[in-house]
């Protein structure tokens, strides 16, 4: 499918163990120097889901397309977790991964996942949500700002990637109504 594919519907649901293969494929296909601080995955691939990356930590976007309006496929995911195991930090959720398939980009899947993550964080009792994004990831930063996130800190030159120092930008927002 091309980047001009029309999506007829996008829905978000919790991930299931059966999604592992599709999520792993999506994660590998969306790897980019724009957001990755780890090397490109190479076979044999590690499991996508494990004891630290449980299905219940992920929301999955499914989309029906113009070529198959009756069926759906995974168009993206977002990972939402407590940032620490500390009781004094239990009011916060952190986004630790967001991926959208190339064929679904530009159709609002990332924004839909971000809004669903905020709603899920509220449902879990959180009143604040945070994330980290690389300083040179302009498209992601623009999306986060448009959804109410603000820069709350910058770790200047935190990563040395492909011959350049890259900032780690800390962003957050309130989940109060």
C-alpha atoms as a PDB file:
ATOM      1  CA  UNK A   1       0.000   0.000   0.000  1.00  0.00           C
ATOM      2  CA  UNK A   2       1.160   3.507  -0.680  1.00  0.00           C
ATOM      3  CA  UNK A   3       1.326   6.507   1.621  1.00  0.00           C
ATOM      4  CA  UNK A   4      -1.768   7.821  -0.191  1.00  0.00           C
ATOM      5  CA  UNK A   5      -3.928   4.930   0.994  1.00  0.00           C
ATOM      6  CA  UNK A   6      -7.268   6.146   2.341  1.00  0.00           C
ATOM      7  CA  UNK A   7      -8.211   4.776   5.741  1.00  0.00           C
ATOM      8  CA  UNK A   8     -11.945   4.201   6.172  1.00  0.00           C
ATOM      9  CA  UNK A   9     -11.838   3.733   9.911  1.00  0.00           C
ATOM     10  CA  UNK A  10      -9.325   3.621  12.719  1.00  0.00           C
ATOM     11  CA  UNK A  11     -10.082   2.001  16.051  1.00  0.00           C
ATOM     12  CA  UNK A  12      -7.893   1.538  19.111  1.00  0.00           C
ATOM     13  CA  UNK A  13      -7.873  -1.496  21.358  1.00  0.00           C
ATOM     14  CA  UNK A  14      -5.584  -3.098  23.933  1.00  0.00           C
ATOM     15  CA  UNK A  15      -2.909  -5.317  22.429  1.00  0.00           C
ATOM     16  CA  UNK A  16      -3.286  -9.082  22.626  1.00  0.00           C
ATOM     17  CA  UNK A  17      -0.585 -11.763  22.856  1.00  0.00           C
ATOM     18  CA  UNK A  18      -1.654 -12.823  19.344  1.00  0.00           C
ATOM     19  CA  UNK A  19      -0.508  -9.398  18.048  1.00  0.00           C
ATOM     20  CA  UNK A  20       3.160 -10.164  18.774  1.00  0.00           C
ATOM     21  CA  UNK A  21       4.245 -11.018  15.225  1.00  0.00           C
ATOM     22  CA  UNK A  22       2.463  -8.036  13.646  1.00  0.00           C
ATOM     23  CA  UNK A  23       3.765  -5.653  16.321  1.00  0.00           C
ATOM     24  CA  UNK A  24       7.310  -6.933  15.909  1.00  0.00           C
ATOM     25  CA  UNK A  25       7.105  -6.492  12.138  1.00  0.00           C
ATOM     26  CA  UNK A  26       5.693  -2.978  12.563  1.00  0.00           C
ATOM     27  CA  UNK A  27       8.407  -2.061  15.054  1.00  0.00           C
ATOM     28  CA  UNK A  28      11.184  -3.268  12.743  1.00  0.00           C
ATOM     29  CA  UNK A  29       9.674  -1.647   9.639  1.00  0.00           C
ATOM     30  CA  UNK A  30       9.392   1.754  11.339  1.00  0.00           C
ATOM     31  CA  UNK A  31      12.917   1.790  12.802  1.00  0.00           C
ATOM     32  CA  UNK A  32      14.531   5.114  11.943  1.00  0.00           C
ATOM     33  CA  UNK A  33      17.478   7.257  12.977  1.00  0.00           C
ATOM     34  CA  UNK A  34      14.876   9.959  13.617  1.00  0.00           C
ATOM     35  CA  UNK A  35      13.750   8.267  16.825  1.00  0.00           C
ATOM     36  CA  UNK A  36      15.848   5.174  17.558  1.00  0.00           C
ATOM     37  CA  UNK A  37      18.712   5.172  20.045  1.00  0.00           C
ATOM     38  CA  UNK A  38      19.357   1.453  19.617  1.00  0.00           C
ATOM     39  CA  UNK A  39      20.873  -0.174  16.532  1.00  0.00           C
ATOM     40  CA  UNK A  40      18.643  -1.391  13.694  1.00  0.00           C
ATOM     41  CA  UNK A  41      17.200  -4.811  14.637  1.00  0.00           C
ATOM     42  CA  UNK A  42      18.832  -7.767  12.908  1.00  0.00           C
ATOM     43  CA  UNK A  43      17.752 -11.409  12.766  1.00  0.00           C
ATOM     44  CA  UNK A  44      17.299 -13.409  14.832  1.00  0.00           C
ATOM     45  CA  UNK A  45      14.831 -10.945  16.311  1.00  0.00           C
ATOM     46  CA  UNK A  46      14.110 -10.754  20.017  1.00  0.00           C
ATOM     47  CA  UNK A  47      10.463 -11.213  20.992  1.00  0.00           C
ATOM     48  CA  UNK A  48       8.487  -7.979  20.816  1.00  0.00           C
ATOM     49  CA  UNK A  49       6.443  -8.912  23.885  1.00  0.00           C
ATOM     50  CA  UNK A  50       8.231 -10.105  27.019  1.00  0.00           C
ATOM     51  CA  UNK A  51       8.075  -9.655  30.799  1.00  0.00           C
ATOM     52  CA  UNK A  52       9.050  -5.966  30.452  1.00  0.00           C
ATOM     53  CA  UNK A  53       6.865  -5.300  27.369  1.00  0.00           C
ATOM     54  CA  UNK A  54       3.520  -6.884  28.206  1.00  0.00           C
ATOM     55  CA  UNK A  55       0.483  -6.801  25.923  1.00  0.00           C
ATOM     56  CA  UNK A  56      -1.415  -4.736  28.503  1.00  0.00           C
ATOM     57  CA  UNK A  57       1.200  -1.968  28.133  1.00  0.00           C
ATOM     58  CA  UNK A  58       0.239  -1.382  24.500  1.00  0.00           C
ATOM     59  CA  UNK A  59      -2.688   0.129  22.658  1.00  0.00           C
ATOM     60  CA  UNK A  60      -3.024  -0.921  19.035  1.00  0.00           C
ATOM     61  CA  UNK A  61      -4.590   1.060  16.196  1.00  0.00           C
ATOM     62  CA  UNK A  62      -6.411  -1.030  13.617  1.00  0.00           C
ATOM     63  CA  UNK A  63      -7.437   0.438  10.295  1.00  0.00           C
ATOM     64  CA  UNK A  64      -9.699  -0.527   7.442  1.00  0.00           C
ATOM     65  CA  UNK A  65      -8.467   0.730   4.069  1.00  0.00           C
ATOM     66  CA  UNK A  66     -10.015   1.586   0.726  1.00  0.00           C
ATOM     67  CA  UNK A  67      -8.669  -1.670  -0.714  1.00  0.00           C
ATOM     68  CA  UNK A  68     -10.088  -3.811   2.102  1.00  0.00           C
ATOM     69  CA  UNK A  69     -12.832  -1.856   3.906  1.00  0.00           C
ATOM     70  CA  UNK A  70     -14.252  -5.026   5.482  1.00  0.00           C
ATOM     71  CA  UNK A  71     -10.986  -6.103   7.095  1.00  0.00           C
ATOM     72  CA  UNK A  72      -8.537  -4.384   9.387  1.00  0.00           C
ATOM     73  CA  UNK A  73      -4.824  -4.527  10.012  1.00  0.00           C
ATOM     74  CA  UNK A  74      -2.548  -3.062  12.636  1.00  0.00           C
ATOM     75  CA  UNK A  75      -1.663   0.500  11.648  1.00  0.00           C
ATOM     76  CA  UNK A  76       0.230   1.514  14.783  1.00  0.00           C
ATOM     77  CA  UNK A  77       0.853   1.111  18.469  1.00  0.00           C
ATOM     78  CA  UNK A  78       1.620   3.172  21.552  1.00  0.00           C
ATOM     79  CA  UNK A  79       3.201   1.911  24.766  1.00  0.00           C
ATOM     80  CA  UNK A  80       1.913   3.423  28.027  1.00  0.00           C
ATOM     81  CA  UNK A  81       3.502   2.504  31.368  1.00  0.00           C
ATOM     82  CA  UNK A  82       4.198   3.892  34.832  1.00  0.00           C
ATOM     83  CA  UNK A  83       7.591   5.639  34.611  1.00  0.00           C
ATOM     84  CA  UNK A  84       8.794   4.069  37.876  1.00  0.00           C
ATOM     85  CA  UNK A  85       7.539   1.463  40.370  1.00  0.00           C
ATOM     86  CA  UNK A  86       7.454   4.114  43.147  1.00  0.00           C
ATOM     87  CA  UNK A  87       4.134   4.765  44.897  1.00  0.00           C
ATOM     88  CA  UNK A  88       4.895   8.505  44.971  1.00  0.00           C
ATOM     89  CA  UNK A  89       5.027   8.449  41.134  1.00  0.00           C
ATOM     90  CA  UNK A  90       1.867   6.372  40.594  1.00  0.00           C
ATOM     91  CA  UNK A  91      -0.096   9.395  39.351  1.00  0.00           C
ATOM     92  CA  UNK A  92       2.042   9.575  36.174  1.00  0.00           C
ATOM     93  CA  UNK A  93       2.024   7.489  32.997  1.00  0.00           C
ATOM     94  CA  UNK A  94       4.760   7.626  30.407  1.00  0.00           C
ATOM     95  CA  UNK A  95       4.621   6.983  26.676  1.00  0.00           C
ATOM     96  CA  UNK A  96       7.561   4.722  25.864  1.00  0.00           C
ATOM     97  CA  UNK A  97       7.043   4.069  22.190  1.00  0.00           C
ATOM     98  CA  UNK A  98       4.797   5.149  19.343  1.00  0.00           C
ATOM     99  CA  UNK A  99       4.903   3.673  15.852  1.00  0.00           C
ATOM    100  CA  UNK A 100       2.705   4.144  12.776  1.00  0.00           C
ATOM    101  CA  UNK A 101       2.999   1.979   9.670  1.00  0.00           C
ATOM    102  CA  UNK A 102       4.261   3.804   6.589  1.00  0.00           C
ATOM    103  CA  UNK A 103       1.034   3.054   4.709  1.00  0.00           C
ATOM    104  CA  UNK A 104      -1.039   4.677   7.488  1.00  0.00           C
ATOM    105  CA  UNK A 105       0.962   7.871   7.994  1.00  0.00           C
ATOM    106  CA  UNK A 106      -0.735  11.196   7.465  1.00  0.00           C
ATOM    107  CA  UNK A 107      -4.174   9.793   8.279  1.00  0.00           C
ATOM    108  CA  UNK A 108      -4.286  10.744  11.972  1.00  0.00           C
ATOM    109  CA  UNK A 109      -3.281   7.349  13.390  1.00  0.00           C
ATOM    110  CA  UNK A 110      -0.539   8.816  15.609  1.00  0.00           C
ATOM    111  CA  UNK A 111      -2.884  11.498  16.939  1.00  0.00           C
ATOM    112  CA  UNK A 112      -5.603   8.887  17.555  1.00  0.00           C
ATOM    113  CA  UNK A 113      -3.154   6.711  19.494  1.00  0.00           C
ATOM    114  CA  UNK A 114      -1.900   9.680  21.504  1.00  0.00           C
ATOM    115  CA  UNK A 115      -5.438  10.682  22.485  1.00  0.00           C
ATOM    116  CA  UNK A 116      -6.294   7.074  23.348  1.00  0.00           C
ATOM    117  CA  UNK A 117      -3.185   6.871  25.553  1.00  0.00           C
ATOM    118  CA  UNK A 118      -4.243  10.028  27.417  1.00  0.00           C
ATOM    119  CA  UNK A 119      -7.739   8.593  27.930  1.00  0.00           C
ATOM    120  CA  UNK A 120      -6.306   5.265  29.122  1.00  0.00           C
ATOM    121  CA  UNK A 121      -3.924   7.029  31.498  1.00  0.00           C
ATOM    122  CA  UNK A 122      -6.885   8.921  32.981  1.00  0.00           C
ATOM    123  CA  UNK A 123      -8.819   5.643  33.251  1.00  0.00           C
ATOM    124  CA  UNK A 124      -5.879   4.204  35.193  1.00  0.00           C
ATOM    125  CA  UNK A 125      -6.043   7.132  37.626  1.00  0.00           C
ATOM    126  CA  UNK A 126      -3.143   9.175  36.290  1.00  0.00           C
ATOM    127  CA  UNK A 127      -3.326  12.958  36.276  1.00  0.00           C
ATOM    128  CA  UNK A 128      -0.124  13.513  34.295  1.00  0.00           C
ATOM    129  CA  UNK A 129       1.524  11.988  31.211  1.00  0.00           C
ATOM    130  CA  UNK A 130       5.120  12.316  30.035  1.00  0.00           C
ATOM    131  CA  UNK A 131       7.377  11.192  27.201  1.00  0.00           C
ATOM    132  CA  UNK A 132      10.879  11.547  25.822  1.00  0.00           C
ATOM    133  CA  UNK A 133      11.635  12.442  22.208  1.00  0.00           C
ATOM    134  CA  UNK A 134      14.861  13.059  20.337  1.00  0.00           C
ATOM    135  CA  UNK A 135      15.490  16.735  19.668  1.00  0.00           C
ATOM    136  CA  UNK A 136      15.773  16.262  15.896  1.00  0.00           C
ATOM    137  CA  UNK A 137      12.416  14.442  15.617  1.00  0.00           C
ATOM    138  CA  UNK A 138      10.539  17.538  14.470  1.00  0.00           C
ATOM    139  CA  UNK A 139       7.364  15.750  13.240  1.00  0.00           C
ATOM    140  CA  UNK A 140       6.838  13.934  16.548  1.00  0.00           C
ATOM    141  CA  UNK A 141       7.555  17.041  18.597  1.00  0.00           C
ATOM    142  CA  UNK A 142       5.020  19.034  16.558  1.00  0.00           C
ATOM    143  CA  UNK A 143       2.379  16.346  17.120  1.00  0.00           C
ATOM    144  CA  UNK A 144       3.015  16.317  20.873  1.00  0.00           C
ATOM    145  CA  UNK A 145       2.839  20.110  21.135  1.00  0.00           C
ATOM    146  CA  UNK A 146      -0.422  20.125  19.150  1.00  0.00           C
ATOM    147  CA  UNK A 147      -1.846  17.701  21.719  1.00  0.00           C
ATOM    148  CA  UNK A 148      -0.938  19.867  24.706  1.00  0.00           C
ATOM    149  CA  UNK A 149       2.507  18.533  25.622  1.00  0.00           C
ATOM    150  CA  UNK A 150       5.164  21.061  26.596  1.00  0.00           C
ATOM    151  CA  UNK A 151       8.929  20.778  26.808  1.00  0.00           C
ATOM    152  CA  UNK A 152       9.778  20.326  30.477  1.00  0.00           C
ATOM    153  CA  UNK A 153      13.482  19.690  30.133  1.00  0.00           C
ATOM    154  CA  UNK A 154      16.278  19.033  27.686  1.00  0.00           C
ATOM    155  CA  UNK A 155      19.210  16.723  28.253  1.00  0.00           C
ATOM    156  CA  UNK A 156      21.617  18.410  25.845  1.00  0.00           C
ATOM    157  CA  UNK A 157      23.736  16.046  23.781  1.00  0.00           C
ATOM    158  CA  UNK A 158      22.434  13.033  25.719  1.00  0.00           C
ATOM    159  CA  UNK A 159      22.954  10.645  22.798  1.00  0.00           C
ATOM    160  CA  UNK A 160      25.744  10.323  20.229  1.00  0.00           C
ATOM    161  CA  UNK A 161      24.001   9.006  17.124  1.00  0.00           C
ATOM    162  CA  UNK A 162      25.509   8.641  13.676  1.00  0.00           C
ATOM    163  CA  UNK A 163      28.327  11.085  14.345  1.00  0.00           C
ATOM    164  CA  UNK A 164      26.258  13.805  16.064  1.00  0.00           C
ATOM    165  CA  UNK A 165      25.177  14.660  19.577  1.00  0.00           C
ATOM    166  CA  UNK A 166      21.392  14.629  19.913  1.00  0.00           C
ATOM    167  CA  UNK A 167      19.258  16.145  22.675  1.00  0.00           C
ATOM    168  CA  UNK A 168      16.805  14.078  24.708  1.00  0.00           C
ATOM    169  CA  UNK A 169      13.701  16.261  25.095  1.00  0.00           C
ATOM    170  CA  UNK A 170      11.418  15.620  28.069  1.00  0.00           C
ATOM    171  CA  UNK A 171       7.794  16.558  27.484  1.00  0.00           C
ATOM    172  CA  UNK A 172       4.675  16.295  29.601  1.00  0.00           C
ATOM    173  CA  UNK A 173       1.163  17.505  30.162  1.00  0.00           C
ATOM    174  CA  UNK A 174      -1.600  17.469  32.695  1.00  0.00           C
ATOM    175  CA  UNK A 175      -4.504  15.079  32.239  1.00  0.00           C
ATOM    176  CA  UNK A 176      -6.871  17.291  34.205  1.00  0.00           C
ATOM    177  CA  UNK A 177     -10.141  17.948  32.357  1.00  0.00           C
END
